[in-house]
PDB file of N, CA and C in Angstrom:
ATOM      1  N   MET A   1       1.932  76.191   7.397  1.00  0.00           N
ATOM      2  CA  MET A   1       3.009  75.467   6.748  1.00  0.00           C
ATOM      3  C   MET A   1       2.760  75.471   5.246  1.00  0.00           C
ATOM      4  N   ALA A   2       3.801  75.796   4.502  1.00  0.00           N
ATOM      5  CA  ALA A   2       3.667  75.902   3.046  1.00  0.00           C
ATOM      6  C   ALA A   2       3.499  74.544   2.379  1.00  0.00           C
ATOM      7  N   GLY A   3       4.182  73.535   2.867  1.00  0.00           N
ATOM      8  CA  GLY A   3       4.092  72.199   2.281  1.00  0.00           C
ATOM      9  C   GLY A   3       3.847  71.178   3.365  1.00  0.00           C
ATOM     10  N   SER A   4       3.898  69.917   2.985  1.00  0.00           N
ATOM     11  CA  SER A   4       3.709  68.854   3.969  1.00  0.00           C
ATOM     12  C   SER A   4       5.048  68.509   4.613  1.00  0.00           C
ATOM     13  N   PHE A   5       4.981  67.752   5.702  1.00  0.00           N
ATOM     14  CA  PHE A   5       6.221  67.291   6.322  1.00  0.00           C
ATOM     15  C   PHE A   5       6.994  66.402   5.360  1.00  0.00           C
ATOM     16  N   ALA A   6       6.289  65.660   4.510  1.00  0.00           N
ATOM     17  CA  ALA A   6       6.973  64.818   3.516  1.00  0.00           C
ATOM     18  C   ALA A   6       7.773  65.682   2.541  1.00  0.00           C
ATOM     19  N   ASP A   7       7.194  66.817   2.136  1.00  0.00           N
ATOM     20  CA  ASP A   7       7.912  67.740   1.251  1.00  0.00           C
ATOM     21  C   ASP A   7       9.137  68.324   1.949  1.00  0.00           C
ATOM     22  N   LEU A   8       8.965  68.726   3.208  1.00  0.00           N
ATOM     23  CA  LEU A   8      10.099  69.253   3.974  1.00  0.00           C
ATOM     24  C   LEU A   8      11.194  68.209   4.097  1.00  0.00           C
ATOM     25  N   ALA A   9      10.790  66.993   4.445  1.00  0.00           N
ATOM     26  CA  ALA A   9      11.761  65.909   4.615  1.00  0.00           C
ATOM     27  C   ALA A   9      12.542  65.674   3.330  1.00  0.00           C
ATOM     28  N   GLN A  10      11.858  65.689   2.209  1.00  0.00           N
ATOM     29  CA  GLN A  10      12.529  65.452   0.931  1.00  0.00           C
ATOM     30  C   GLN A  10      13.542  66.559   0.631  1.00  0.00           C
ATOM     31  N   THR A  11      13.143  67.803   0.816  1.00  0.00           N
ATOM     32  CA  THR A  11      14.051  68.928   0.564  1.00  0.00           C
ATOM     33  C   THR A  11      15.258  68.864   1.492  1.00  0.00           C
ATOM     34  N   ILE A  12      15.012  68.575   2.758  1.00  0.00           N
ATOM     35  CA  ILE A  12      16.096  68.521   3.745  1.00  0.00           C
ATOM     36  C   ILE A  12      17.006  67.330   3.486  1.00  0.00           C
ATOM     37  N   ASP A  13      16.445  66.174   3.170  1.00  0.00           N
ATOM     38  CA  ASP A  13      17.273  64.999   2.857  1.00  0.00           C
ATOM     39  C   ASP A  13      18.160  65.255   1.641  1.00  0.00           C
ATOM     40  N   GLN A  14      17.612  65.899   0.615  1.00  0.00           N
ATOM     41  CA  GLN A  14      18.414  66.217  -0.573  1.00  0.00           C
ATOM     42  C   GLN A  14      19.522  67.209  -0.226  1.00  0.00           C
ATOM     43  N   ALA A  15      19.197  68.211   0.579  1.00  0.00           N
ATOM     44  CA  ALA A  15      20.202  69.192   0.990  1.00  0.00           C
ATOM     45  C   ALA A  15      21.301  68.533   1.809  1.00  0.00           C
ATOM     46  N   TRP A  16      20.921  67.576   2.634  1.00  0.00           N
ATOM     47  CA  TRP A  16      21.894  66.878   3.476  1.00  0.00           C
ATOM     48  C   TRP A  16      22.942  66.169   2.621  1.00  0.00           C
ATOM     49  N   GLU A  17      22.504  65.592   1.524  1.00  0.00           N
ATOM     50  CA  GLU A  17      23.432  64.875   0.644  1.00  0.00           C
ATOM     51  C   GLU A  17      24.461  65.814   0.020  1.00  0.00           C
ATOM     52  N   ASP A  18      24.125  67.096  -0.089  1.00  0.00           N
ATOM     53  CA  ASP A  18      25.035  68.082  -0.675  1.00  0.00           C
ATOM     54  C   ASP A  18      25.392  69.156   0.361  1.00  0.00           C
ATOM     55  N   ARG A  19      25.470  68.756   1.632  1.00  0.00           N
ATOM     56  CA  ARG A  19      25.658  69.718   2.719  1.00  0.00           C
ATOM     57  C   ARG A  19      26.955  70.504   2.628  1.00  0.00           C
ATOM     58  N   ALA A  20      27.982  69.963   1.973  1.00  0.00           N
ATOM     59  CA  ALA A  20      29.245  70.695   1.839  1.00  0.00           C
ATOM     60  C   ALA A  20      29.057  71.984   1.040  1.00  0.00           C
ATOM     61  N   ALA A  21      28.027  72.028   0.211  1.00  0.00           N
ATOM     62  CA  ALA A  21      27.768  73.212  -0.610  1.00  0.00           C
ATOM     63  C   ALA A  21      26.890  74.237   0.113  1.00  0.00           C
ATOM     64  N   ILE A  22      26.446  73.918   1.318  1.00  0.00           N
ATOM     65  CA  ILE A  22      25.539  74.805   2.051  1.00  0.00           C
ATOM     66  C   ILE A  22      26.342  75.689   2.995  1.00  0.00           C
ATOM     67  N   SER A  23      26.014  76.976   2.968  1.00  0.00           N
ATOM     68  CA  SER A  23      26.713  77.941   3.817  1.00  0.00           C
ATOM     69  C   SER A  23      25.734  79.033   4.240  1.00  0.00           C
ATOM     70  N   ALA A  24      26.249  80.009   4.958  1.00  0.00           N
ATOM     71  CA  ALA A  24      25.416  81.123   5.407  1.00  0.00           C
ATOM     72  C   ALA A  24      24.864  81.932   4.236  1.00  0.00           C
ATOM     73  N   SER A  25      25.470  81.805   3.070  1.00  0.00           N
ATOM     74  CA  SER A  25      24.976  82.541   1.901  1.00  0.00           C
ATOM     75  C   SER A  25      23.893  81.776   1.133  1.00  0.00           C
ATOM     76  N   THR A  26      23.621  80.538   1.528  1.00  0.00           N
ATOM     77  CA  THR A  26      22.587  79.737   0.860  1.00  0.00           C
ATOM     78  C   THR A  26      21.216  80.367   1.086  1.00  0.00           C
ATOM     79  N   GLN A  27      20.472  80.523   0.002  1.00  0.00           N
ATOM     80  CA  GLN A  27      19.124  81.084   0.057  1.00  0.00           C
ATOM     81  C   GLN A  27      18.158  80.113  -0.619  1.00  0.00           C
ATOM     82  N   GLY A  28      16.885  80.447  -0.605  1.00  0.00           N
ATOM     83  CA  GLY A  28      15.908  79.681  -1.357  1.00  0.00           C
ATOM     84  C   GLY A  28      15.306  78.518  -0.601  1.00  0.00           C
ATOM     85  N   ALA A  29      14.984  77.459  -1.354  1.00  0.00           N
ATOM     86  CA  ALA A  29      14.192  76.338  -0.836  1.00  0.00           C
ATOM     87  C   ALA A  29      14.833  75.649   0.359  1.00  0.00           C
ATOM     88  N   VAL A  30      16.151  75.491   0.347  1.00  0.00           N
ATOM     89  CA  VAL A  30      16.821  74.795   1.458  1.00  0.00           C
ATOM     90  C   VAL A  30      16.683  75.602   2.740  1.00  0.00           C
ATOM     91  N   ARG A  31      17.009  76.872   2.689  1.00  0.00           N
ATOM     92  CA  ARG A  31      16.901  77.716   3.882  1.00  0.00           C
ATOM     93  C   ARG A  31      15.449  77.760   4.370  1.00  0.00           C
ATOM     94  N   GLU A  32      14.523  77.914   3.446  1.00  0.00           N
ATOM     95  CA  GLU A  32      13.104  77.969   3.812  1.00  0.00           C
ATOM     96  C   GLU A  32      12.650  76.664   4.462  1.00  0.00           C
ATOM     97  N   ALA A  33      13.067  75.529   3.927  1.00  0.00           N
ATOM     98  CA  ALA A  33      12.677  74.231   4.489  1.00  0.00           C
ATOM     99  C   ALA A  33      13.260  74.042   5.883  1.00  0.00           C
ATOM    100  N   VAL A  34      14.527  74.394   6.055  1.00  0.00           N
ATOM    101  CA  VAL A  34      15.159  74.260   7.372  1.00  0.00           C
ATOM    102  C   VAL A  34      14.452  75.167   8.377  1.00  0.00           C
ATOM    103  N   ASN A  35      14.200  76.411   8.009  1.00  0.00           N
ATOM    104  CA  ASN A  35      13.509  77.325   8.925  1.00  0.00           C
ATOM    105  C   ASN A  35      12.101  76.837   9.257  1.00  0.00           C
ATOM    106  N   GLU A  36      11.410  76.305   8.272  1.00  0.00           N
ATOM    107  CA  GLU A  36      10.063  75.781   8.504  1.00  0.00           C
ATOM    108  C   GLU A  36      10.107  74.573   9.441  1.00  0.00           C
ATOM    109  N   ALA A  37      11.094  73.712   9.260  1.00  0.00           N
ATOM    110  CA  ALA A  37      11.246  72.551  10.144  1.00  0.00           C
ATOM    111  C   ALA A  37      11.551  72.998  11.570  1.00  0.00           C
ATOM    112  N   LEU A  38      12.451  73.967  11.726  1.00  0.00           N
ATOM    113  CA  LEU A  38      12.787  74.468  13.063  1.00  0.00           C
ATOM    114  C   LEU A  38      11.568  75.104  13.726  1.00  0.00           C
ATOM    115  N   ASP A  39      10.793  75.851  12.960  1.00  0.00           N
ATOM    116  CA  ASP A  39       9.571  76.456  13.509  1.00  0.00           C
ATOM    117  C   ASP A  39       8.559  75.386  13.920  1.00  0.00           C
ATOM    118  N   ALA A  40       8.447  74.317  13.130  1.00  0.00           N
ATOM    119  CA  ALA A  40       7.529  73.219  13.467  1.00  0.00           C
ATOM    120  C   ALA A  40       7.977  72.520  14.747  1.00  0.00           C
ATOM    121  N   MET A  41       9.287  72.354  14.914  1.00  0.00           N
ATOM    122  CA  MET A  41       9.797  71.764  16.154  1.00  0.00           C
ATOM    123  C   MET A  41       9.558  72.710  17.320  1.00  0.00           C
ATOM    124  N   ASP A  42       9.794  74.001  17.110  1.00  0.00           N
ATOM    125  CA  ASP A  42       9.632  75.002  18.157  1.00  0.00           C
ATOM    126  C   ASP A  42       8.202  75.019  18.690  1.00  0.00           C
ATOM    127  N   SER A  43       7.233  74.830  17.808  1.00  0.00           N
ATOM    128  CA  SER A  43       5.821  74.867  18.206  1.00  0.00           C
ATOM    129  C   SER A  43       5.284  73.510  18.657  1.00  0.00           C
ATOM    130  N   GLY A  44       6.102  72.465  18.550  1.00  0.00           N
ATOM    131  CA  GLY A  44       5.670  71.136  18.972  1.00  0.00           C
ATOM    132  C   GLY A  44       4.881  70.373  17.930  1.00  0.00           C
ATOM    133  N   LYS A  45       4.825  70.876  16.700  1.00  0.00           N
ATOM    134  CA  LYS A  45       4.094  70.178  15.636  1.00  0.00           C
ATOM    135  C   LYS A  45       4.812  68.913  15.189  1.00  0.00           C
ATOM    136  N   VAL A  46       6.121  68.880  15.369  1.00  0.00           N
ATOM    137  CA  VAL A  46       6.916  67.700  15.029  1.00  0.00           C
ATOM    138  C   VAL A  46       8.091  67.641  16.001  1.00  0.00           C
ATOM    139  N   ARG A  47       8.553  66.435  16.264  1.00  0.00           N
ATOM    140  CA  ARG A  47       9.674  66.243  17.189  1.00  0.00           C
ATOM    141  C   ARG A  47      10.768  65.439  16.519  1.00  0.00           C
ATOM    142  N   VAL A  48      11.993  65.697  16.926  1.00  0.00           N
ATOM    143  CA  VAL A  48      13.125  64.948  16.377  1.00  0.00           C
ATOM    144  C   VAL A  48      13.003  63.481  16.759  1.00  0.00           C
ATOM    145  N   ALA A  49      12.643  63.219  17.999  1.00  0.00           N
ATOM    146  CA  ALA A  49      12.499  61.837  18.470  1.00  0.00           C
ATOM    147  C   ALA A  49      11.211  61.720  19.268  1.00  0.00           C
ATOM    148  N   GLU A  50      10.575  60.563  19.140  1.00  0.00           N
ATOM    149  CA  GLU A  50       9.302  60.341  19.819  1.00  0.00           C
ATOM    150  C   GLU A  50       9.167  58.859  20.136  1.00  0.00           C
ATOM    151  N   LYS A  51       8.633  58.569  21.318  1.00  0.00           N
ATOM    152  CA  LYS A  51       8.416  57.181  21.708  1.00  0.00           C
ATOM    153  C   LYS A  51       7.099  56.710  21.104  1.00  0.00           C
ATOM    154  N   ILE A  52       7.191  55.723  20.225  1.00  0.00           N
ATOM    155  CA  ILE A  52       6.021  55.177  19.540  1.00  0.00           C
ATOM    156  C   ILE A  52       6.015  53.669  19.753  1.00  0.00           C
ATOM    157  N   GLY A  53       4.936  53.166  20.344  1.00  0.00           N
ATOM    158  CA  GLY A  53       4.846  51.729  20.601  1.00  0.00           C
ATOM    159  C   GLY A  53       5.957  51.209  21.498  1.00  0.00           C
ATOM    160  N   GLY A  54       6.381  52.029  22.454  1.00  0.00           N
ATOM    161  CA  GLY A  54       7.417  51.613  23.388  1.00  0.00           C
ATOM    162  C   GLY A  54       8.839  51.734  22.855  1.00  0.00           C
ATOM    163  N   GLU A  55       8.991  52.169  21.629  1.00  0.00           N
ATOM    164  CA  GLU A  55      10.321  52.316  21.019  1.00  0.00           C
ATOM    165  C   GLU A  55      10.538  53.762  20.593  1.00  0.00           C
ATOM    166  N   TRP A  56      11.761  54.232  20.765  1.00  0.00           N
ATOM    167  CA  TRP A  56      12.096  55.578  20.318  1.00  0.00           C
ATOM    168  C   TRP A  56      12.343  55.583  18.822  1.00  0.00           C
ATOM    169  N   GLU A  57      11.687  56.505  18.144  1.00  0.00           N
ATOM    170  CA  GLU A  57      11.885  56.681  16.708  1.00  0.00           C
ATOM    171  C   GLU A  57      12.461  58.068  16.466  1.00  0.00           C
ATOM    172  N   VAL A  58      13.506  58.126  15.658  1.00  0.00           N
ATOM    173  CA  VAL A  58      14.147  59.396  15.319  1.00  0.00           C
ATOM    174  C   VAL A  58      13.720  59.807  13.923  1.00  0.00           C
ATOM    175  N   ARG A  59      13.247  61.016  13.809  1.00  0.00           N
ATOM    176  CA  ARG A  59      12.940  61.579  12.488  1.00  0.00           C
ATOM    177  C   ARG A  59      14.236  62.194  11.976  1.00  0.00           C
ATOM    178  N   GLN A  60      14.925  61.427  11.148  1.00  0.00           N
ATOM    179  CA  GLN A  60      16.240  61.849  10.682  1.00  0.00           C
ATOM    180  C   GLN A  60      16.197  63.195   9.980  1.00  0.00           C
ATOM    181  N   TRP A  61      15.127  63.468   9.254  1.00  0.00           N
ATOM    182  CA  TRP A  61      15.060  64.744   8.538  1.00  0.00           C
ATOM    183  C   TRP A  61      15.021  65.918   9.498  1.00  0.00           C
ATOM    184  N   CYS A  62      14.409  65.746  10.664  1.00  0.00           N
ATOM    185  CA  CYS A  62      14.400  66.818  11.667  1.00  0.00           C
ATOM    186  C   CYS A  62      15.800  67.024  12.236  1.00  0.00           C
ATOM    187  N   LYS A  63      16.467  65.925  12.535  1.00  0.00           N
ATOM    188  CA  LYS A  63      17.840  66.011  13.037  1.00  0.00           C
ATOM    189  C   LYS A  63      18.733  66.691  12.005  1.00  0.00           C
ATOM    190  N   LYS A  64      18.568  66.322  10.748  1.00  0.00           N
ATOM    191  CA  LYS A  64      19.359  66.931   9.673  1.00  0.00           C
ATOM    192  C   LYS A  64      19.054  68.421   9.546  1.00  0.00           C
ATOM    193  N   ALA A  65      17.799  68.812   9.747  1.00  0.00           N
ATOM    194  CA  ALA A  65      17.438  70.233   9.677  1.00  0.00           C
ATOM    195  C   ALA A  65      18.197  71.032  10.736  1.00  0.00           C
ATOM    196  N   VAL A  66      18.272  70.493  11.951  1.00  0.00           N
ATOM    197  CA  VAL A  66      19.020  71.167  13.017  1.00  0.00           C
ATOM    198  C   VAL A  66      20.490  71.289  12.621  1.00  0.00           C
ATOM    199  N   LEU A  67      21.071  70.200  12.144  1.00  0.00           N
ATOM    200  CA  LEU A  67      22.486  70.224  11.763  1.00  0.00           C
ATOM    201  C   LEU A  67      22.737  71.148  10.574  1.00  0.00           C
ATOM    202  N   LEU A  68      21.830  71.159   9.604  1.00  0.00           N
ATOM    203  CA  LEU A  68      21.982  72.067   8.462  1.00  0.00           C
ATOM    204  C   LEU A  68      21.883  73.528   8.899  1.00  0.00           C
ATOM    205  N   SER A  69      21.089  73.790   9.922  1.00  0.00           N
ATOM    206  CA  SER A  69      20.953  75.175  10.387  1.00  0.00           C
ATOM    207  C   SER A  69      22.287  75.723  10.883  1.00  0.00           C
ATOM    208  N   PHE A  70      23.163  74.856  11.382  1.00  0.00           N
ATOM    209  CA  PHE A  70      24.486  75.308  11.822  1.00  0.00           C
ATOM    210  C   PHE A  70      25.334  75.763  10.637  1.00  0.00           C
ATOM    211  N   ARG A  71      25.102  75.171   9.482  1.00  0.00           N
ATOM    212  CA  ARG A  71      25.820  75.587   8.270  1.00  0.00           C
ATOM    213  C   ARG A  71      25.199  76.852   7.678  1.00  0.00           C
ATOM    214  N   LEU A  72      23.889  76.996   7.835  1.00  0.00           N
ATOM    215  CA  LEU A  72      23.166  78.122   7.241  1.00  0.00           C
ATOM    216  C   LEU A  72      23.325  79.428   8.017  1.00  0.00           C
ATOM    217  N   ASN A  73      23.647  79.336   9.292  1.00  0.00           N
ATOM    218  CA  ASN A  73      23.670  80.524  10.143  1.00  0.00           C
ATOM    219  C   ASN A  73      25.047  80.760  10.736  1.00  0.00           C
ATOM    220  N   ASP A  74      25.534  81.976  10.577  1.00  0.00           N
ATOM    221  CA  ASP A  74      26.778  82.374  11.226  1.00  0.00           C
ATOM    222  C   ASP A  74      26.503  82.623  12.701  1.00  0.00           C
ATOM    223  N   SER A  75      27.523  82.501  13.517  1.00  0.00           N
ATOM    224  CA  SER A  75      27.387  82.862  14.923  1.00  0.00           C
ATOM    225  C   SER A  75      27.155  84.365  15.033  1.00  0.00           C
ATOM    226  N   ALA A  76      26.368  84.741  16.028  1.00  0.00           N
ATOM    227  CA  ALA A  76      26.047  86.151  16.255  1.00  0.00           C
ATOM    228  C   ALA A  76      25.856  86.374  17.754  1.00  0.00           C
ATOM    229  N   PRO A  77      26.026  87.612  18.213  1.00  0.00           N
ATOM    230  CA  PRO A  77      25.788  87.896  19.634  1.00  0.00           C
ATOM    231  C   PRO A  77      24.323  87.637  19.998  1.00  0.00           C
ATOM    232  N   ILE A  78      24.130  87.021  21.147  1.00  0.00           N
ATOM    233  CA  ILE A  78      22.788  86.733  21.647  1.00  0.00           C
ATOM    234  C   ILE A  78      22.700  87.295  23.061  1.00  0.00           C
ATOM    235  N   LYS A  79      21.796  88.229  23.242  1.00  0.00           N
ATOM    236  CA  LYS A  79      21.624  88.866  24.543  1.00  0.00           C
ATOM    237  C   LYS A  79      20.831  87.959  25.469  1.00  0.00           C
ATOM    238  N   GLY A  80      20.944  88.232  26.767  1.00  0.00           N
ATOM    239  CA  GLY A  80      20.115  87.530  27.730  1.00  0.00           C
ATOM    240  C   GLY A  80      20.874  86.684  28.719  1.00  0.00           C
ATOM    241  N   GLY A  81      22.184  86.767  28.693  1.00  0.00           N
ATOM    242  CA  GLY A  81      22.976  85.991  29.634  1.00  0.00           C
ATOM    243  C   GLY A  81      22.903  86.577  31.035  1.00  0.00           C
ATOM    244  N   PRO A  82      23.274  85.780  32.020  1.00  0.00           N
ATOM    245  CA  PRO A  82      23.287  86.265  33.401  1.00  0.00           C
ATOM    246  C   PRO A  82      24.144  87.525  33.528  1.00  0.00           C
ATOM    247  N   GLY A  83      23.666  88.490  34.295  1.00  0.00           N
ATOM    248  CA  GLY A  83      24.416  89.723  34.483  1.00  0.00           C
ATOM    249  C   GLY A  83      24.558  90.530  33.204  1.00  0.00           C
ATOM    250  N   ASN A  84      23.561  90.442  32.333  1.00  0.00           N
ATOM    251  CA  ASN A  84      23.571  91.126  31.033  1.00  0.00           C
ATOM    252  C   ASN A  84      24.687  90.648  30.116  1.00  0.00           C
ATOM    253  N   ALA A  85      25.151  89.438  30.334  1.00  0.00           N
ATOM    254  CA  ALA A  85      26.179  88.863  29.463  1.00  0.00           C
ATOM    255  C   ALA A  85      25.592  88.589  28.085  1.00  0.00           C
ATOM    256  N   THR A  86      26.477  88.458  27.119  1.00  0.00           N
ATOM    257  CA  THR A  86      26.075  88.147  25.751  1.00  0.00           C
ATOM    258  C   THR A  86      26.753  86.854  25.335  1.00  0.00           C
ATOM    259  N   TRP A  87      25.988  85.952  24.727  1.00  0.00           N
ATOM    260  CA  TRP A  87      26.544  84.721  24.181  1.00  0.00           C
ATOM    261  C   TRP A  87      26.883  84.937  22.716  1.00  0.00           C
ATOM    262  N   PHE A  88      27.593  83.997  22.127  1.00  0.00           N
ATOM    263  CA  PHE A  88      27.934  84.043  20.705  1.00  0.00           C
ATOM    264  C   PHE A  88      27.629  82.666  20.153  1.00  0.00           C
ATOM    265  N   ASP A  89      26.531  82.557  19.393  1.00  0.00           N
ATOM    266  CA  ASP A  89      26.064  81.243  18.960  1.00  0.00           C
ATOM    267  C   ASP A  89      25.359  81.360  17.612  1.00  0.00           C
ATOM    268  N   LYS A  90      25.074  80.203  17.028  1.00  0.00           N
ATOM    269  CA  LYS A  90      24.396  80.121  15.735  1.00  0.00           C
ATOM    270  C   LYS A  90      22.882  80.008  15.875  1.00  0.00           C
ATOM    271  N   VAL A  91      22.395  79.726  17.081  1.00  0.00           N
ATOM    272  CA  VAL A  91      20.964  79.503  17.307  1.00  0.00           C
ATOM    273  C   VAL A  91      20.445  80.561  18.277  1.00  0.00           C
ATOM    274  N   PRO A  92      19.451  81.336  17.867  1.00  0.00           N
ATOM    275  CA  PRO A  92      18.926  82.362  18.772  1.00  0.00           C
ATOM    276  C   PRO A  92      18.154  81.752  19.941  1.00  0.00           C
ATOM    277  N   SER A  93      17.982  82.553  20.959  1.00  0.00           N
ATOM    278  CA  SER A  93      17.186  82.146  22.110  1.00  0.00           C
ATOM    279  C   SER A  93      15.724  81.972  21.703  1.00  0.00           C
ATOM    280  N   LYS A  94      15.085  80.983  22.289  1.00  0.00           N
ATOM    281  CA  LYS A  94      13.643  80.805  22.075  1.00  0.00           C
ATOM    282  C   LYS A  94      12.894  82.063  22.506  1.00  0.00           C
ATOM    283  N   PHE A  95      13.444  82.765  23.483  1.00  0.00           N
ATOM    284  CA  PHE A  95      12.749  83.894  24.093  1.00  0.00           C
ATOM    285  C   PHE A  95      13.119  85.240  23.469  1.00  0.00           C
ATOM    286  N   ASP A  96      13.851  85.230  22.372  1.00  0.00           N
ATOM    287  CA  ASP A  96      14.231  86.469  21.707  1.00  0.00           C
ATOM    288  C   ASP A  96      12.975  87.265  21.353  1.00  0.00           C
ATOM    289  N   ASN A  97      12.918  88.490  21.823  1.00  0.00           N
ATOM    290  CA  ASN A  97      11.791  89.408  21.579  1.00  0.00           C
ATOM    291  C   ASN A  97      10.492  88.999  22.272  1.00  0.00           C
ATOM    292  N   TRP A  98      10.559  88.119  23.263  1.00  0.00           N
ATOM    293  CA  TRP A  98       9.360  87.749  24.009  1.00  0.00           C
ATOM    294  C   TRP A  98       9.084  88.782  25.095  1.00  0.00           C
ATOM    295  N   GLY A  99       7.811  88.957  25.383  1.00  0.00           N
ATOM    296  CA  GLY A  99       7.363  89.801  26.479  1.00  0.00           C
ATOM    297  C   GLY A  99       6.317  89.061  27.293  1.00  0.00           C
ATOM    298  N   GLN A 100       5.614  89.795  28.126  1.00  0.00           N
ATOM    299  CA  GLN A 100       4.591  89.222  29.005  1.00  0.00           C
ATOM    300  C   GLN A 100       3.579  88.379  28.231  1.00  0.00           C
ATOM    301  N   ALA A 101       3.089  88.893  27.118  1.00  0.00           N
ATOM    302  CA  ALA A 101       2.041  88.197  26.355  1.00  0.00           C
ATOM    303  C   ALA A 101       2.520  86.851  25.824  1.00  0.00           C
ATOM    304  N   GLU A 102       3.741  86.801  25.315  1.00  0.00           N
ATOM    305  CA  GLU A 102       4.266  85.544  24.755  1.00  0.00           C
ATOM    306  C   GLU A 102       4.475  84.501  25.846  1.00  0.00           C
ATOM    307  N   PHE A 103       5.025  84.919  26.986  1.00  0.00           N
ATOM    308  CA  PHE A 103       5.213  83.963  28.080  1.00  0.00           C
ATOM    309  C   PHE A 103       3.871  83.473  28.615  1.00  0.00           C
ATOM    310  N   ALA A 104       2.901  84.373  28.752  1.00  0.00           N
ATOM    311  CA  ALA A 104       1.574  83.975  29.238  1.00  0.00           C
ATOM    312  C   ALA A 104       0.928  82.980  28.280  1.00  0.00           C
ATOM    313  N   ALA A 105       1.034  83.227  26.988  1.00  0.00           N
ATOM    314  CA  ALA A 105       0.439  82.319  25.996  1.00  0.00           C
ATOM    315  C   ALA A 105       1.151  80.973  25.973  1.00  0.00           C
ATOM    316  N   ALA A 106       2.461  80.974  26.199  1.00  0.00           N
ATOM    317  CA  ALA A 106       3.228  79.724  26.168  1.00  0.00           C
ATOM    318  C   ALA A 106       2.862  78.821  27.343  1.00  0.00           C
ATOM    319  N   GLY A 107       2.535  79.411  28.488  1.00  0.00           N
ATOM    320  CA  GLY A 107       2.045  78.629  29.615  1.00  0.00           C
ATOM    321  C   GLY A 107       3.095  77.872  30.403  1.00  0.00           C
ATOM    322  N   PHE A 108       4.342  78.283  30.329  1.00  0.00           N
ATOM    323  CA  PHE A 108       5.386  77.676  31.156  1.00  0.00           C
ATOM    324  C   PHE A 108       6.166  78.773  31.861  1.00  0.00           C
ATOM    325  N   ARG A 109       6.929  78.375  32.870  1.00  0.00           N
ATOM    326  CA  ARG A 109       7.783  79.322  33.593  1.00  0.00           C
ATOM    327  C   ARG A 109       9.222  79.116  33.164  1.00  0.00           C
ATOM    328  N   ALA A 110       9.933  80.212  33.019  1.00  0.00           N
ATOM    329  CA  ALA A 110      11.370  80.168  32.742  1.00  0.00           C
ATOM    330  C   ALA A 110      12.041  81.006  33.823  1.00  0.00           C
ATOM    331  N   VAL A 111      12.655  80.332  34.799  1.00  0.00           N
ATOM    332  CA  VAL A 111      13.277  81.046  35.908  1.00  0.00           C
ATOM    333  C   VAL A 111      14.619  81.619  35.455  1.00  0.00           C
ATOM    334  N   PRO A 112      15.129  82.618  36.183  1.00  0.00           N
ATOM    335  CA  PRO A 112      16.421  83.198  35.801  1.00  0.00           C
ATOM    336  C   PRO A 112      17.494  82.117  35.638  1.00  0.00           C
ATOM    337  N   GLY A 113      18.219  82.241  34.554  1.00  0.00           N
ATOM    338  CA  GLY A 113      19.282  81.278  34.253  1.00  0.00           C
ATOM    339  C   GLY A 113      18.874  80.185  33.286  1.00  0.00           C
ATOM    340  N   ALA A 114      17.580  80.062  32.996  1.00  0.00           N
ATOM    341  CA  ALA A 114      17.128  79.039  32.049  1.00  0.00           C
ATOM    342  C   ALA A 114      17.550  79.438  30.637  1.00  0.00           C
ATOM    343  N   VAL A 115      18.098  78.483  29.908  1.00  0.00           N
ATOM    344  CA  VAL A 115      18.548  78.731  28.539  1.00  0.00           C
ATOM    345  C   VAL A 115      17.824  77.756  27.618  1.00  0.00           C
ATOM    346  N   VAL A 116      17.152  78.293  26.604  1.00  0.00           N
ATOM    347  CA  VAL A 116      16.440  77.464  25.638  1.00  0.00           C
ATOM    348  C   VAL A 116      16.671  78.058  24.258  1.00  0.00           C
ATOM    349  N   ARG A 117      17.077  77.212  23.330  1.00  0.00           N
ATOM    350  CA  ARG A 117      17.289  77.656  21.958  1.00  0.00           C
ATOM    351  C   ARG A 117      15.996  77.543  21.156  1.00  0.00           C
ATOM    352  N   HIS A 118      15.915  78.391  20.119  1.00  0.00           N
ATOM    353  CA  HIS A 118      14.796  78.287  19.188  1.00  0.00           C
ATOM    354  C   HIS A 118      14.783  76.875  18.598  1.00  0.00           C
ATOM    355  N   SER A 119      13.659  76.304  18.464  1.00  0.00           N
ATOM    356  CA  SER A 119      13.333  74.974  17.927  1.00  0.00           C
ATOM    357  C   SER A 119      13.078  73.963  19.036  1.00  0.00           C
ATOM    358  N   ALA A 120      13.333  74.340  20.294  1.00  0.00           N
ATOM    359  CA  ALA A 120      13.024  73.446  21.409  1.00  0.00           C
ATOM    360  C   ALA A 120      11.587  73.708  21.863  1.00  0.00           C
ATOM    361  N   PHE A 121      10.758  72.684  21.825  1.00  0.00           N
ATOM    362  CA  PHE A 121       9.375  72.813  22.274  1.00  0.00           C
ATOM    363  C   PHE A 121       9.323  72.652  23.785  1.00  0.00           C
ATOM    364  N   ILE A 122       8.591  73.533  24.450  1.00  0.00           N
ATOM    365  CA  ILE A 122       8.394  73.460  25.895  1.00  0.00           C
ATOM    366  C   ILE A 122       6.892  73.332  26.141  1.00  0.00           C
ATOM    367  N   ALA A 123       6.491  72.273  26.826  1.00  0.00           N
ATOM    368  CA  ALA A 123       5.069  72.022  27.078  1.00  0.00           C
ATOM    369  C   ALA A 123       4.516  72.989  28.117  1.00  0.00           C
ATOM    370  N   LYS A 124       3.224  73.252  28.012  1.00  0.00           N
ATOM    371  CA  LYS A 124       2.541  74.079  29.005  1.00  0.00           C
ATOM    372  C   LYS A 124       2.708  73.435  30.383  1.00  0.00           C
ATOM    373  N   GLY A 125       2.894  74.272  31.377  1.00  0.00           N
ATOM    374  CA  GLY A 125       3.034  73.797  32.747  1.00  0.00           C
ATOM    375  C   GLY A 125       4.462  73.469  33.151  1.00  0.00           C
ATOM    376  N   ALA A 126       5.383  73.460  32.207  1.00  0.00           N
ATOM    377  CA  ALA A 126       6.782  73.159  32.534  1.00  0.00           C
ATOM    378  C   ALA A 126       7.396  74.324  33.308  1.00  0.00           C
ATOM    379  N   VAL A 127       8.371  73.997  34.144  1.00  0.00           N
ATOM    380  CA  VAL A 127       9.159  75.007  34.841  1.00  0.00           C
ATOM    381  C   VAL A 127      10.607  74.784  34.438  1.00  0.00           C
ATOM    382  N   LEU A 128      11.179  75.756  33.758  1.00  0.00           N
ATOM    383  CA  LEU A 128      12.559  75.655  33.284  1.00  0.00           C
ATOM    384  C   LEU A 128      13.491  76.272  34.308  1.00  0.00           C
ATOM    385  N   MET A 129      14.512  75.521  34.693  1.00  0.00           N
ATOM    386  CA  MET A 129      15.469  76.019  35.684  1.00  0.00           C
ATOM    387  C   MET A 129      16.870  75.924  35.138  1.00  0.00           C
TER     388      MET A 129
END
């Protein structure tokens, strides 16, 4: 990670305040911060919501990063649908370009028909159906 979560949160919170100006052509610090936040969520380093002391806490900056990613990314064809179907979405599959080694390292099962977007963390031992 290039910066701290506090740095990411600050960049994302500032971008959120000016979200109308953000589009697929936006480059630089905002795009980098959003991508870094999504990667951190994907790997389980940070979560949008977490139960702490019996209460659910939402990390608003993580939620904003997900929402900003919809502005930053145009919809594109995504392969992997049932029967070789193609989806059209703004968020790529978590499993895009995965092979045997990546699934083995991840330590979970994804049965046919399971759909997971990039930025969703899946714990070892999970079975996705």
